[in-house]
C-alpha atoms as a PDB file:
ATOM      1  CA  MET A   1      22.046  -3.124  12.915  1.00  0.00           C
ATOM      2  CA  LYS A   2      20.477  -2.278   9.559  1.00  0.00           C
ATOM      3  CA  LYS A   3      20.012   1.368   8.575  1.00  0.00           C
ATOM      4  CA  TYR A   4      16.412   0.936   7.446  1.00  0.00           C
ATOM      5  CA  HIS A   5      13.600  -1.044   8.998  1.00  0.00           C
ATOM      6  CA  VAL A   6      11.547  -0.986   5.785  1.00  0.00           C
ATOM      7  CA  TYR A   7      12.559  -0.480   2.158  1.00  0.00           C
ATOM      8  CA  GLY A   8       9.539  -0.108  -0.112  1.00  0.00           C
ATOM      9  CA  ILE A   9       9.080   0.011  -3.856  1.00  0.00           C
ATOM     10  CA  GLY A  10       5.973   1.091  -5.703  1.00  0.00           C
ATOM     11  CA  ALA A  11       4.022   3.775  -7.461  1.00  0.00           C
ATOM     12  CA  ALA A  12       4.427   7.453  -6.698  1.00  0.00           C
ATOM     13  CA  LEU A  13       1.043   9.111  -7.023  1.00  0.00           C
ATOM     14  CA  VAL A  14      -0.500  12.359  -5.944  1.00  0.00           C
ATOM     15  CA  ASP A  15      -3.957  11.496  -4.607  1.00  0.00           C
ATOM     16  CA  THR A  16      -6.986  13.731  -4.978  1.00  0.00           C
ATOM     17  CA  GLU A  17      -9.931  12.586  -2.843  1.00  0.00           C
ATOM     18  CA  ILE A  18     -13.470  13.659  -3.698  1.00  0.00           C
ATOM     19  CA  GLN A  19     -16.758  12.693  -2.041  1.00  0.00           C
ATOM     20  CA  VAL A  20     -19.393  11.494  -4.510  1.00  0.00           C
ATOM     21  CA  GLN A  21     -22.782   9.784  -4.616  1.00  0.00           C
ATOM     22  CA  ASP A  22     -23.292   6.254  -5.968  1.00  0.00           C
ATOM     23  CA  SER A  23     -25.472   7.719  -8.712  1.00  0.00           C
ATOM     24  CA  GLU A  24     -22.527   9.833  -9.871  1.00  0.00           C
ATOM     25  CA  LEU A  25     -20.273   6.761 -10.071  1.00  0.00           C
ATOM     26  CA  LYS A  26     -22.842   5.129 -12.347  1.00  0.00           C
ATOM     27  CA  GLN A  27     -23.174   8.242 -14.515  1.00  0.00           C
ATOM     28  CA  MET A  28     -19.391   8.373 -14.947  1.00  0.00           C
ATOM     29  CA  GLY A  29     -19.071   4.637 -15.579  1.00  0.00           C
ATOM     30  CA  VAL A  30     -16.753   4.135 -12.612  1.00  0.00           C
ATOM     31  CA  GLU A  31     -16.507   0.634 -11.132  1.00  0.00           C
ATOM     32  CA  LYS A  32     -17.192   0.952  -7.434  1.00  0.00           C
ATOM     33  CA  GLY A  33     -14.628  -0.325  -4.954  1.00  0.00           C
ATOM     34  CA  LEU A  34     -11.886  -1.109  -7.470  1.00  0.00           C
ATOM     35  CA  MET A  35      -8.675   0.463  -8.728  1.00  0.00           C
ATOM     36  CA  THR A  36      -8.966   1.151 -12.456  1.00  0.00           C
ATOM     37  CA  LEU A  37      -6.032   2.258 -14.600  1.00  0.00           C
ATOM     38  CA  VAL A  38      -7.027   5.114 -16.915  1.00  0.00           C
ATOM     39  CA  ASP A  39      -5.253   7.389 -19.353  1.00  0.00           C
ATOM     40  CA  GLU A  40      -4.747  11.067 -18.686  1.00  0.00           C
ATOM     41  CA  ALA A  41      -7.677  12.105 -20.904  1.00  0.00           C
ATOM     42  CA  ARG A  42     -10.120   9.851 -19.056  1.00  0.00           C
ATOM     43  CA  GLN A  43      -8.901  11.094 -15.690  1.00  0.00           C
ATOM     44  CA  GLN A  44      -9.264  14.695 -16.809  1.00  0.00           C
ATOM     45  CA  ALA A  45     -12.778  13.986 -18.100  1.00  0.00           C
ATOM     46  CA  LEU A  46     -13.711  12.619 -14.673  1.00  0.00           C
ATOM     47  CA  LEU A  47     -12.257  15.699 -12.989  1.00  0.00           C
ATOM     48  CA  ASP A  48     -14.159  17.961 -15.357  1.00  0.00           C
ATOM     49  CA  SER A  49     -17.429  16.206 -14.575  1.00  0.00           C
ATOM     50  CA  LEU A  50     -16.720  16.631 -10.850  1.00  0.00           C
ATOM     51  CA  GLU A  51     -15.735  20.286 -11.109  1.00  0.00           C
ATOM     52  CA  GLY A  52     -18.307  21.318  -8.523  1.00  0.00           C
ATOM     53  CA  HIS A  53     -16.798  18.933  -5.976  1.00  0.00           C
ATOM     54  CA  LEU A  54     -13.207  20.124  -6.238  1.00  0.00           C
ATOM     55  CA  VAL A  55     -13.580  22.774  -3.541  1.00  0.00           C
ATOM     56  CA  HIS A  56     -13.910  19.898  -1.072  1.00  0.00           C
ATOM     57  CA  SER A  57     -11.072  17.799  -2.494  1.00  0.00           C
ATOM     58  CA  ARG A  58      -7.980  16.773  -0.521  1.00  0.00           C
ATOM     59  CA  GLN A  59      -4.519  16.160  -1.946  1.00  0.00           C
ATOM     60  CA  ALA A  60      -1.639  14.067  -0.588  1.00  0.00           C
ATOM     61  CA  SER A  61       1.255  11.941  -1.778  1.00  0.00           C
ATOM     62  CA  GLY A  62       0.117   8.389  -2.265  1.00  0.00           C
ATOM     63  CA  GLY A  63       0.641   5.005  -3.780  1.00  0.00           C
ATOM     64  CA  SER A  64      -0.001   1.823  -1.806  1.00  0.00           C
ATOM     65  CA  ALA A  65       3.537   0.993  -0.677  1.00  0.00           C
ATOM     66  CA  CYS A  66       4.279   4.684  -0.165  1.00  0.00           C
ATOM     67  CA  ASN A  67       1.388   4.954   2.295  1.00  0.00           C
ATOM     68  CA  SER A  68       2.690   1.898   4.170  1.00  0.00           C
ATOM     69  CA  VAL A  69       6.295   3.107   4.393  1.00  0.00           C
ATOM     70  CA  VAL A  70       5.142   6.564   5.535  1.00  0.00           C
ATOM     71  CA  ALA A  71       2.885   5.000   8.175  1.00  0.00           C
ATOM     72  CA  ALA A  72       5.750   2.832   9.441  1.00  0.00           C
ATOM     73  CA  ALA A  73       7.937   5.953   9.620  1.00  0.00           C
ATOM     74  CA  TYR A  74       5.364   7.893  11.632  1.00  0.00           C
ATOM     75  CA  PHE A  75       5.184   4.987  14.100  1.00  0.00           C
ATOM     76  CA  GLY A  76       8.961   5.184  14.505  1.00  0.00           C
ATOM     77  CA  ALA A  77      10.531   3.040  11.779  1.00  0.00           C
ATOM     78  CA  SER A  78      13.289   4.180   9.460  1.00  0.00           C
ATOM     79  CA  GLY A  79      12.181   3.886   5.844  1.00  0.00           C
ATOM     80  CA  TYR A  80      13.339   4.191   2.245  1.00  0.00           C
ATOM     81  CA  TYR A  81      11.063   4.376  -0.790  1.00  0.00           C
ATOM     82  CA  SER A  82      12.014   3.697  -4.407  1.00  0.00           C
ATOM     83  CA  CYS A  83       9.734   5.345  -6.940  1.00  0.00           C
ATOM     84  CA  LYS A  84       9.673   7.471 -10.099  1.00  0.00           C
ATOM     85  CA  VAL A  85       8.257  10.972 -10.375  1.00  0.00           C
ATOM     86  CA  ALA A  86       8.543  13.499 -13.184  1.00  0.00           C
ATOM     87  CA  ASN A  87      10.270  16.844 -13.166  1.00  0.00           C
ATOM     88  CA  ASP A  88       6.983  18.688 -12.563  1.00  0.00           C
ATOM     89  CA  ALA A  89       5.088  20.400  -9.744  1.00  0.00           C
ATOM     90  CA  HIS A  90       3.343  17.186  -8.664  1.00  0.00           C
ATOM     91  CA  GLY A  91       6.712  15.439  -8.498  1.00  0.00           C
ATOM     92  CA  ASP A  92       8.036  18.245  -6.288  1.00  0.00           C
ATOM     93  CA  PHE A  93       4.975  17.918  -4.063  1.00  0.00           C
ATOM     94  CA  PHE A  94       5.332  14.143  -3.732  1.00  0.00           C
ATOM     95  CA  LEU A  95       9.010  14.201  -2.780  1.00  0.00           C
ATOM     96  CA  GLN A  96       8.567  17.063  -0.318  1.00  0.00           C
ATOM     97  CA  ASP A  97       5.684  15.207   1.329  1.00  0.00           C
ATOM     98  CA  ILE A  98       7.538  11.943   1.945  1.00  0.00           C
ATOM     99  CA  ARG A  99      10.689  13.800   3.014  1.00  0.00           C
ATOM    100  CA  ALA A 100       8.581  15.621   5.606  1.00  0.00           C
ATOM    101  CA  ALA A 101       7.462  12.219   6.900  1.00  0.00           C
ATOM    102  CA  GLY A 102      11.094  11.221   7.445  1.00  0.00           C
ATOM    103  CA  VAL A 103      11.277   8.735   4.569  1.00  0.00           C
ATOM    104  CA  ASP A 104      14.447   8.627   2.459  1.00  0.00           C
ATOM    105  CA  SER A 105      14.203   8.198  -1.304  1.00  0.00           C
ATOM    106  CA  ASN A 106      16.091   8.570  -4.547  1.00  0.00           C
ATOM    107  CA  PHE A 107      15.766  12.344  -4.189  1.00  0.00           C
ATOM    108  CA  ASP A 108      18.990  13.065  -6.052  1.00  0.00           C
ATOM    109  CA  LEU A 109      18.218  11.161  -9.241  1.00  0.00           C
ATOM    110  CA  ASN A 110      17.769  13.411 -12.250  1.00  0.00           C
ATOM    111  CA  ARG A 111      14.031  13.473 -12.891  1.00  0.00           C
ATOM    112  CA  ASP A 112      12.806  12.940 -16.440  1.00  0.00           C
ATOM    113  CA  PRO A 113      10.293  15.237 -18.116  1.00  0.00           C
ATOM    114  CA  GLY A 114       6.747  13.933 -18.145  1.00  0.00           C
ATOM    115  CA  THR A 115       3.734  13.703 -15.879  1.00  0.00           C
ATOM    116  CA  THR A 116       3.836  12.482 -12.273  1.00  0.00           C
ATOM    117  CA  GLY A 117       1.215   9.833 -11.584  1.00  0.00           C
ATOM    118  CA  LYS A 118      -2.106  10.891 -10.124  1.00  0.00           C
ATOM    119  CA  CYS A 119      -4.908   8.949  -8.463  1.00  0.00           C
ATOM    120  CA  LEU A 120      -8.486  10.197  -8.345  1.00  0.00           C
ATOM    121  CA  VAL A 121     -10.072   8.643  -5.244  1.00  0.00           C
ATOM    122  CA  LEU A 122     -13.866   8.791  -5.221  1.00  0.00           C
ATOM    123  CA  ILE A 123     -15.428   8.254  -1.786  1.00  0.00           C
ATOM    124  CA  SER A 124     -19.019   6.967  -1.630  1.00  0.00           C
ATOM    125  CA  PRO A 125     -21.431   7.639   1.262  1.00  0.00           C
ATOM    126  CA  ASP A 126     -20.795   4.074   2.544  1.00  0.00           C
ATOM    127  CA  ALA A 127     -17.046   4.946   2.844  1.00  0.00           C
ATOM    128  CA  GLU A 128     -16.059   2.726  -0.101  1.00  0.00           C
ATOM    129  CA  ARG A 129     -13.285   4.101  -2.292  1.00  0.00           C
ATOM    130  CA  SER A 130     -13.157   3.787  -6.077  1.00  0.00           C
ATOM    131  CA  MET A 131      -9.802   4.697  -7.603  1.00  0.00           C
ATOM    132  CA  ASN A 132      -9.053   5.873 -11.115  1.00  0.00           C
ATOM    133  CA  THR A 133      -5.300   5.965 -11.556  1.00  0.00           C
ATOM    134  CA  HIS A 134      -3.177   7.503 -14.283  1.00  0.00           C
ATOM    135  CA  LEU A 135       0.290   6.157 -13.561  1.00  0.00           C
ATOM    136  CA  GLY A 136       2.066   8.727 -15.713  1.00  0.00           C
ATOM    137  CA  ILE A 137       5.815   8.387 -15.448  1.00  0.00           C
ATOM    138  CA  SER A 138       5.383   5.962 -12.527  1.00  0.00           C
ATOM    139  CA  ALA A 139       4.576   3.304 -15.139  1.00  0.00           C
ATOM    140  CA  GLU A 140       8.228   3.604 -16.192  1.00  0.00           C
ATOM    141  CA  LEU A 141       9.593   2.679 -12.750  1.00  0.00           C
ATOM    142  CA  SER A 142      12.540   0.406 -13.450  1.00  0.00           C
ATOM    143  CA  ILE A 143      15.680  -1.158 -12.032  1.00  0.00           C
ATOM    144  CA  LYS A 144      17.303   2.278 -12.417  1.00  0.00           C
ATOM    145  CA  GLU A 145      15.281   3.520  -9.444  1.00  0.00           C
ATOM    146  CA  LEU A 146      16.499   0.692  -7.173  1.00  0.00           C
ATOM    147  CA  ASN A 147      19.065   1.675  -4.550  1.00  0.00           C
ATOM    148  CA  GLU A 148      20.605  -1.738  -3.993  1.00  0.00           C
ATOM    149  CA  SER A 149      22.941  -0.632  -1.218  1.00  0.00           C
ATOM    150  CA  ALA A 150      20.049   0.891   0.765  1.00  0.00           C
ATOM    151  CA  LEU A 151      17.971  -2.233   0.125  1.00  0.00           C
ATOM    152  CA  ALA A 152      20.750  -4.501   1.370  1.00  0.00           C
ATOM    153  CA  ASP A 153      20.947  -2.341   4.517  1.00  0.00           C
ATOM    154  CA  SER A 154      17.270  -2.915   5.369  1.00  0.00           C
ATOM    155  CA  GLU A 155      15.392  -5.393   7.545  1.00  0.00           C
ATOM    156  CA  TYR A 156      12.357  -5.738   5.257  1.00  0.00           C
ATOM    157  CA  TYR A 157      11.879  -5.284   1.518  1.00  0.00           C
ATOM    158  CA  TYR A 158       8.245  -4.468   0.734  1.00  0.00           C
ATOM    159  CA  MET A 159       6.667  -4.679  -2.738  1.00  0.00           C
ATOM    160  CA  GLU A 160       3.225  -3.477  -3.747  1.00  0.00           C
ATOM    161  CA  GLY A 161       1.231  -5.812  -5.960  1.00  0.00           C
ATOM    162  CA  TYR A 162       0.202  -2.967  -8.262  1.00  0.00           C
ATOM    163  CA  LEU A 163       3.697  -3.125  -9.818  1.00  0.00           C
ATOM    164  CA  VAL A 164       2.595  -6.299 -11.591  1.00  0.00           C
ATOM    165  CA  THR A 165       0.817  -4.173 -14.227  1.00  0.00           C
ATOM    166  CA  SER A 166       4.090  -2.658 -15.486  1.00  0.00           C
ATOM    167  CA  ASP A 167       6.724  -4.825 -17.164  1.00  0.00           C
ATOM    168  CA  SER A 168       9.577  -2.585 -16.002  1.00  0.00           C
ATOM    169  CA  GLY A 169       8.088  -2.130 -12.525  1.00  0.00           C
ATOM    170  CA  ARG A 170       7.573  -5.856 -12.082  1.00  0.00           C
ATOM    171  CA  THR A 171      11.128  -6.513 -13.251  1.00  0.00           C
ATOM    172  CA  ALA A 172      12.431  -3.962 -10.734  1.00  0.00           C
ATOM    173  CA  ALA A 173      10.408  -5.530  -7.918  1.00  0.00           C
ATOM    174  CA  ILE A 174      11.763  -8.979  -8.768  1.00  0.00           C
ATOM    175  CA  ARG A 175      15.336  -7.695  -8.940  1.00  0.00           C
ATOM    176  CA  GLY A 176      14.806  -6.087  -5.543  1.00  0.00           C
ATOM    177  CA  ARG A 177      13.577  -9.388  -4.118  1.00  0.00           C
ATOM    178  CA  GLU A 178      16.685 -11.113  -5.442  1.00  0.00           C
ATOM    179  CA  VAL A 179      18.945  -8.479  -3.849  1.00  0.00           C
ATOM    180  CA  ALA A 180      17.040  -8.859  -0.590  1.00  0.00           C
ATOM    181  CA  GLU A 181      17.395 -12.635  -0.596  1.00  0.00           C
ATOM    182  CA  GLN A 182      21.131 -12.354  -1.326  1.00  0.00           C
ATOM    183  CA  ASN A 183      21.620 -10.015   1.631  1.00  0.00           C
ATOM    184  CA  GLY A 184      19.448 -11.653   4.289  1.00  0.00           C
ATOM    185  CA  VAL A 185      16.705  -9.035   3.996  1.00  0.00           C
ATOM    186  CA  LYS A 186      13.202 -10.356   4.696  1.00  0.00           C
ATOM    187  CA  THR A 187      10.773 -10.028   1.808  1.00  0.00           C
ATOM    188  CA  ALA A 188       7.176  -8.841   1.943  1.00  0.00           C
ATOM    189  CA  LEU A 189       4.460  -8.363  -0.668  1.00  0.00           C
ATOM    190  CA  SER A 190       0.960  -6.925  -0.689  1.00  0.00           C
ATOM    191  CA  PHE A 191      -1.560  -8.239  -3.223  1.00  0.00           C
ATOM    192  CA  SER A 192      -2.929  -4.661  -3.278  1.00  0.00           C
ATOM    193  CA  ASP A 193      -6.246  -5.241  -5.077  1.00  0.00           C
ATOM    194  CA  PRO A 194      -8.527  -8.175  -6.059  1.00  0.00           C
ATOM    195  CA  GLY A 195      -8.085  -7.177  -9.704  1.00  0.00           C
ATOM    196  CA  MET A 196      -4.340  -7.735  -9.472  1.00  0.00           C
ATOM    197  CA  VAL A 197      -4.938 -11.313  -8.312  1.00  0.00           C
ATOM    198  CA  GLU A 198      -7.661 -11.977 -10.875  1.00  0.00           C
ATOM    199  CA  PHE A 199      -5.966 -10.570 -13.967  1.00  0.00           C
ATOM    200  CA  PHE A 200      -2.217 -10.657 -13.187  1.00  0.00           C
ATOM    201  CA  ARG A 201      -1.789 -13.893 -11.263  1.00  0.00           C
ATOM    202  CA  ASP A 202       1.204 -15.116 -13.267  1.00  0.00           C
ATOM    203  CA  GLY A 203       3.011 -11.824 -12.744  1.00  0.00           C
ATOM    204  CA  LEU A 204       2.326 -11.936  -9.015  1.00  0.00           C
ATOM    205  CA  SER A 205       3.714 -15.480  -8.950  1.00  0.00           C
ATOM    206  CA  ASP A 206       6.890 -14.142 -10.545  1.00  0.00           C
ATOM    207  CA  MET A 207       7.110 -11.425  -7.889  1.00  0.00           C
ATOM    208  CA  LEU A 208       6.609 -14.039  -5.149  1.00  0.00           C
ATOM    209  CA  GLY A 209       9.352 -16.216  -6.596  1.00  0.00           C
ATOM    210  CA  GLY A 210       9.995 -19.181  -4.330  1.00  0.00           C
ATOM    211  CA  GLY A 211       7.869 -17.522  -1.636  1.00  0.00           C
ATOM    212  CA  VAL A 212       8.114 -14.402   0.503  1.00  0.00           C
ATOM    213  CA  ASP A 213       8.637 -14.069   4.232  1.00  0.00           C
ATOM    214  CA  LEU A 214       5.485 -12.001   4.734  1.00  0.00           C
ATOM    215  CA  LEU A 215       2.335 -11.487   2.658  1.00  0.00           C
ATOM    216  CA  PHE A 216      -0.458  -8.955   3.151  1.00  0.00           C
ATOM    217  CA  CYS A 217      -3.898  -9.307   1.568  1.00  0.00           C
ATOM    218  CA  ASN A 218      -7.562  -8.802   2.292  1.00  0.00           C
ATOM    219  CA  GLU A 219     -10.219 -11.483   2.363  1.00  0.00           C
ATOM    220  CA  ALA A 220     -11.342 -10.946  -1.244  1.00  0.00           C
ATOM    221  CA  GLU A 221      -7.766 -11.208  -2.512  1.00  0.00           C
ATOM    222  CA  ALA A 222      -7.107 -14.319  -0.431  1.00  0.00           C
ATOM    223  CA  LEU A 223     -10.205 -16.064  -1.759  1.00  0.00           C
ATOM    224  CA  GLN A 224      -9.350 -15.008  -5.313  1.00  0.00           C
ATOM    225  CA  TRP A 225      -5.827 -16.399  -4.945  1.00  0.00           C
ATOM    226  CA  ALA A 226      -7.189 -19.731  -3.683  1.00  0.00           C
ATOM    227  CA  GLY A 227     -10.010 -19.862  -6.245  1.00  0.00           C
ATOM    228  CA  SER A 228     -12.341 -20.728  -3.400  1.00  0.00           C
ATOM    229  CA  ASN A 229     -15.114 -19.309  -1.237  1.00  0.00           C
ATOM    230  CA  SER A 230     -13.550 -20.933   1.829  1.00  0.00           C
ATOM    231  CA  LEU A 231     -11.288 -18.811   4.000  1.00  0.00           C
ATOM    232  CA  HIS A 232      -9.798 -22.021   5.424  1.00  0.00           C
ATOM    233  CA  GLU A 233      -8.763 -23.074   1.917  1.00  0.00           C
ATOM    234  CA  ALA A 234      -7.396 -19.597   1.262  1.00  0.00           C
ATOM    235  CA  VAL A 235      -5.211 -19.813   4.357  1.00  0.00           C
ATOM    236  CA  THR A 236      -3.852 -23.138   3.132  1.00  0.00           C
ATOM    237  CA  ALA A 237      -3.133 -21.717  -0.324  1.00  0.00           C
ATOM    238  CA  ILE A 238      -1.314 -18.672   1.027  1.00  0.00           C
ATOM    239  CA  LYS A 239       0.860 -20.825   3.262  1.00  0.00           C
ATOM    240  CA  GLU A 240       2.305 -22.254   0.038  1.00  0.00           C
ATOM    241  CA  VAL A 241       3.705 -18.866  -1.046  1.00  0.00           C
ATOM    242  CA  ALA A 242       4.431 -17.088   2.248  1.00  0.00           C
ATOM    243  CA  LYS A 243       6.133 -18.126   5.486  1.00  0.00           C
ATOM    244  CA  GLN A 244       3.988 -15.640   7.399  1.00  0.00           C
ATOM    245  CA  PHE A 245       0.969 -13.546   6.438  1.00  0.00           C
ATOM    246  CA  ALA A 246      -1.823 -11.231   7.478  1.00  0.00           C
ATOM    247  CA  ILE A 247      -5.317 -11.379   5.989  1.00  0.00           C
ATOM    248  CA  THR A 248      -7.483  -8.376   6.795  1.00  0.00           C
ATOM    249  CA  LEU A 249     -11.200  -9.122   7.202  1.00  0.00           C
ATOM    250  CA  GLY A 250     -12.675  -5.635   7.358  1.00  0.00           C
ATOM    251  CA  ALA A 251     -15.145  -5.283  10.203  1.00  0.00           C
ATOM    252  CA  LYS A 252     -14.329  -8.873  11.258  1.00  0.00           C
ATOM    253  CA  GLY A 253     -10.730  -8.033  12.196  1.00  0.00           C
ATOM    254  CA  ALA A 254      -7.819  -9.997  10.753  1.00  0.00           C
ATOM    255  CA  LEU A 255      -6.006 -13.316  10.669  1.00  0.00           C
ATOM    256  CA  VAL A 256      -2.254 -13.300  11.295  1.00  0.00           C
ATOM    257  CA  TYR A 257       0.000 -16.333  10.803  1.00  0.00           C
ATOM    258  CA  ASP A 258       3.420 -16.258  12.457  1.00  0.00           C
ATOM    259  CA  GLY A 259       4.752 -19.384  10.758  1.00  0.00           C
ATOM    260  CA  GLU A 260       3.449 -21.710  13.456  1.00  0.00           C
ATOM    261  CA  GLN A 261       0.223 -20.327  14.870  1.00  0.00           C
ATOM    262  CA  LEU A 262      -2.792 -18.563  13.380  1.00  0.00           C
ATOM    263  CA  HIS A 263      -3.931 -15.597  15.472  1.00  0.00           C
ATOM    264  CA  GLU A 264      -7.397 -14.079  15.278  1.00  0.00           C
ATOM    265  CA  ILE A 265      -7.152 -10.297  15.642  1.00  0.00           C
ATOM    266  CA  ALA A 266     -10.257  -8.651  17.053  1.00  0.00           C
ATOM    267  CA  PRO A 267     -11.798  -5.744  15.111  1.00  0.00           C
ATOM    268  CA  HIS A 268     -12.143  -2.216  16.422  1.00  0.00           C
ATOM    269  CA  ARG A 269     -15.599  -0.761  15.926  1.00  0.00           C
ATOM    270  CA  VAL A 270     -15.554   2.674  14.314  1.00  0.00           C
ATOM    271  CA  SER A 271     -17.795   4.794  12.154  1.00  0.00           C
ATOM    272  CA  ALA A 272     -16.124   4.494   8.746  1.00  0.00           C
ATOM    273  CA  VAL A 273     -16.103   7.508   6.437  1.00  0.00           C
ATOM    274  CA  ASP A 274     -13.326   6.535   3.980  1.00  0.00           C
ATOM    275  CA  THR A 275     -11.774   3.089   3.471  1.00  0.00           C
ATOM    276  CA  ASN A 276      -8.956   4.462   1.288  1.00  0.00           C
ATOM    277  CA  GLY A 277      -5.609   3.418   2.741  1.00  0.00           C
ATOM    278  CA  ALA A 278      -6.901   0.941   5.323  1.00  0.00           C
ATOM    279  CA  GLY A 279      -4.838  -1.953   3.987  1.00  0.00           C
ATOM    280  CA  ASP A 280      -1.815   0.299   3.496  1.00  0.00           C
ATOM    281  CA  MET A 281      -2.035   1.493   7.094  1.00  0.00           C
ATOM    282  CA  PHE A 282      -2.395  -2.086   8.341  1.00  0.00           C
ATOM    283  CA  ALA A 283       0.784  -3.121   6.511  1.00  0.00           C
ATOM    284  CA  GLY A 284       2.734  -0.064   7.663  1.00  0.00           C
ATOM    285  CA  ALA A 285       1.798  -0.477  11.319  1.00  0.00           C
ATOM    286  CA  PHE A 286       2.485  -4.215  11.144  1.00  0.00           C
ATOM    287  CA  LEU A 287       5.911  -3.709   9.565  1.00  0.00           C
ATOM    288  CA  TYR A 288       6.799  -1.136  12.209  1.00  0.00           C
ATOM    289  CA  ALA A 289       5.868  -3.474  15.063  1.00  0.00           C
ATOM    290  CA  ILE A 290       7.428  -6.637  13.647  1.00  0.00           C
ATOM    291  CA  SER A 291      10.686  -4.812  12.883  1.00  0.00           C
ATOM    292  CA  HIS A 292      10.801  -3.566  16.470  1.00  0.00           C
ATOM    293  CA  GLY A 293      10.739  -6.969  18.126  1.00  0.00           C
ATOM    294  CA  ARG A 294       7.001  -7.281  18.661  1.00  0.00           C
ATOM    295  CA  SER A 295       5.146 -10.566  18.218  1.00  0.00           C
ATOM    296  CA  HIS A 296       2.861 -11.135  15.263  1.00  0.00           C
ATOM    297  CA  ALA A 297      -0.145 -10.981  17.561  1.00  0.00           C
ATOM    298  CA  GLU A 298       0.991  -7.610  18.933  1.00  0.00           C
ATOM    299  CA  ALA A 299       1.745  -6.354  15.429  1.00  0.00           C
ATOM    300  CA  GLY A 300      -1.719  -7.462  14.321  1.00  0.00           C
ATOM    301  CA  LYS A 301      -3.385  -5.623  17.199  1.00  0.00           C
ATOM    302  CA  LEU A 302      -1.570  -2.371  16.426  1.00  0.00           C
ATOM    303  CA  ALA A 303      -2.239  -2.748  12.699  1.00  0.00           C
ATOM    304  CA  SER A 304      -5.935  -3.474  13.222  1.00  0.00           C
ATOM    305  CA  ARG A 305      -6.328  -0.507  15.549  1.00  0.00           C
ATOM    306  CA  ALA A 306      -4.478   1.822  13.171  1.00  0.00           C
ATOM    307  CA  ALA A 307      -6.486   0.657  10.147  1.00  0.00           C
ATOM    308  CA  ALA A 308      -9.733   1.226  12.051  1.00  0.00           C
ATOM    309  CA  GLU A 309      -8.585   4.700  12.961  1.00  0.00           C
ATOM    310  CA  VAL A 310      -7.651   5.613   9.383  1.00  0.00           C
ATOM    311  CA  VAL A 311     -11.073   4.650   7.991  1.00  0.00           C
ATOM    312  CA  SER A 312     -12.682   7.036  10.484  1.00  0.00           C
ATOM    313  CA  HIS A 313     -10.735   9.893   8.849  1.00  0.00           C
ATOM    314  CA  TYR A 314     -10.688  11.137   5.272  1.00  0.00           C
ATOM    315  CA  GLY A 315      -7.523  10.247   3.407  1.00  0.00           C
ATOM    316  CA  PRO A 316      -5.023   7.353   3.652  1.00  0.00           C
ATOM    317  CA  ARG A 317      -2.938   8.956   6.404  1.00  0.00           C
ATOM    318  CA  LEU A 318      -3.343   9.844  10.074  1.00  0.00           C
ATOM    319  CA  PRO A 319      -2.147  13.026  11.768  1.00  0.00           C
ATOM    320  CA  GLY A 320       1.478  12.517  12.860  1.00  0.00           C
ATOM    321  CA  PRO A 321       0.967  12.720  16.651  1.00  0.00           C
ATOM    322  CA  LEU A 322      -1.822  10.121  16.535  1.00  0.00           C
ATOM    323  CA  HIS A 323       0.653   7.369  15.637  1.00  0.00           C
ATOM    324  CA  ALA A 324       2.472   7.770  18.947  1.00  0.00           C
ATOM    325  CA  GLU A 325      -0.845   7.734  20.809  1.00  0.00           C
ATOM    326  CA  LEU A 326      -1.868   4.470  19.147  1.00  0.00           C
ATOM    327  CA  ARG A 327       1.563   2.954  19.778  1.00  0.00           C
ATOM    328  CA  ARG A 328       1.296   3.749  23.486  1.00  0.00           C
ATOM    329  CA  GLU A 329      -2.297   2.547  23.658  1.00  0.00           C
ATOM    330  CA  ILE A 330      -1.657  -0.844  22.033  1.00  0.00           C
ATOM    331  CA  LEU A 331       2.026  -1.556  22.736  1.00  0.00           C
ATOM    332  CA  GLY A 332       2.619   0.546  25.824  1.00  0.00           C
ATOM    333  CA  ALA A 333       5.650   2.167  24.181  1.00  0.00           C
END
């Protein structure tokens, strides 16, 4: 038996969530619904302009793959996360937060001076999230942060698509995939954001290599990958790069392919207040279920239910005890 169910690699960010109006997004020149990479000065300028909102802000460790690995851990999976944080207060906060969730990491590596990555998450009244991310030292994530022995002792190796924007991060993700393939570890990738597919397609192709075992994406990313407005054509295109996949469809549920059969996963109707972390939660819940012997259809049902629950809360995470409640509700375990 492997030590870890899920080994993830990705950005290490400290998220600050703030509720804003659409008019404020326009005034600040923020593109709604997308993740935009910004420098530290731009991020600070945004924070300064939102000074009156900060009393209502929420802070948590984040990063797409981090959210997924933490979610899987709260459901009952064993997880490891490779990342890079600086020797600063935000780095301390990040590592303490994932340790508290039961996720192992490269805690003992000597941390370099610098600035830990931060993500400013702006939540509109329609629950859409617009992210302005300063990667900080996370942009320097490299092969040095890989723990190849822990990776080899894992069931799944999970990469976030955001790593495609960093040469060293992309190289580390690819090296991790190679180690996984050499050691019989199943590989998984999330496209992460439509912008990653639109502007970094070649890099994502390099991360996919000869194809991954499992791919996560949403409908917009799937259509962008296929260069089509047809979901049927998108499914066909994704089958060329992944043995199995899950396409989230928002309020329409999800499509899950188990390698032989396409399953339609029914949506769960909720009143959404914050869509930040929905896709991350879906992937984390799915990875938990699939690594614990559940079928793809069962994994899809748990993931869909968990993603619906997370959008009805502020922030990309759920309270710890709620994971067990959802697990019992959907899986009876």
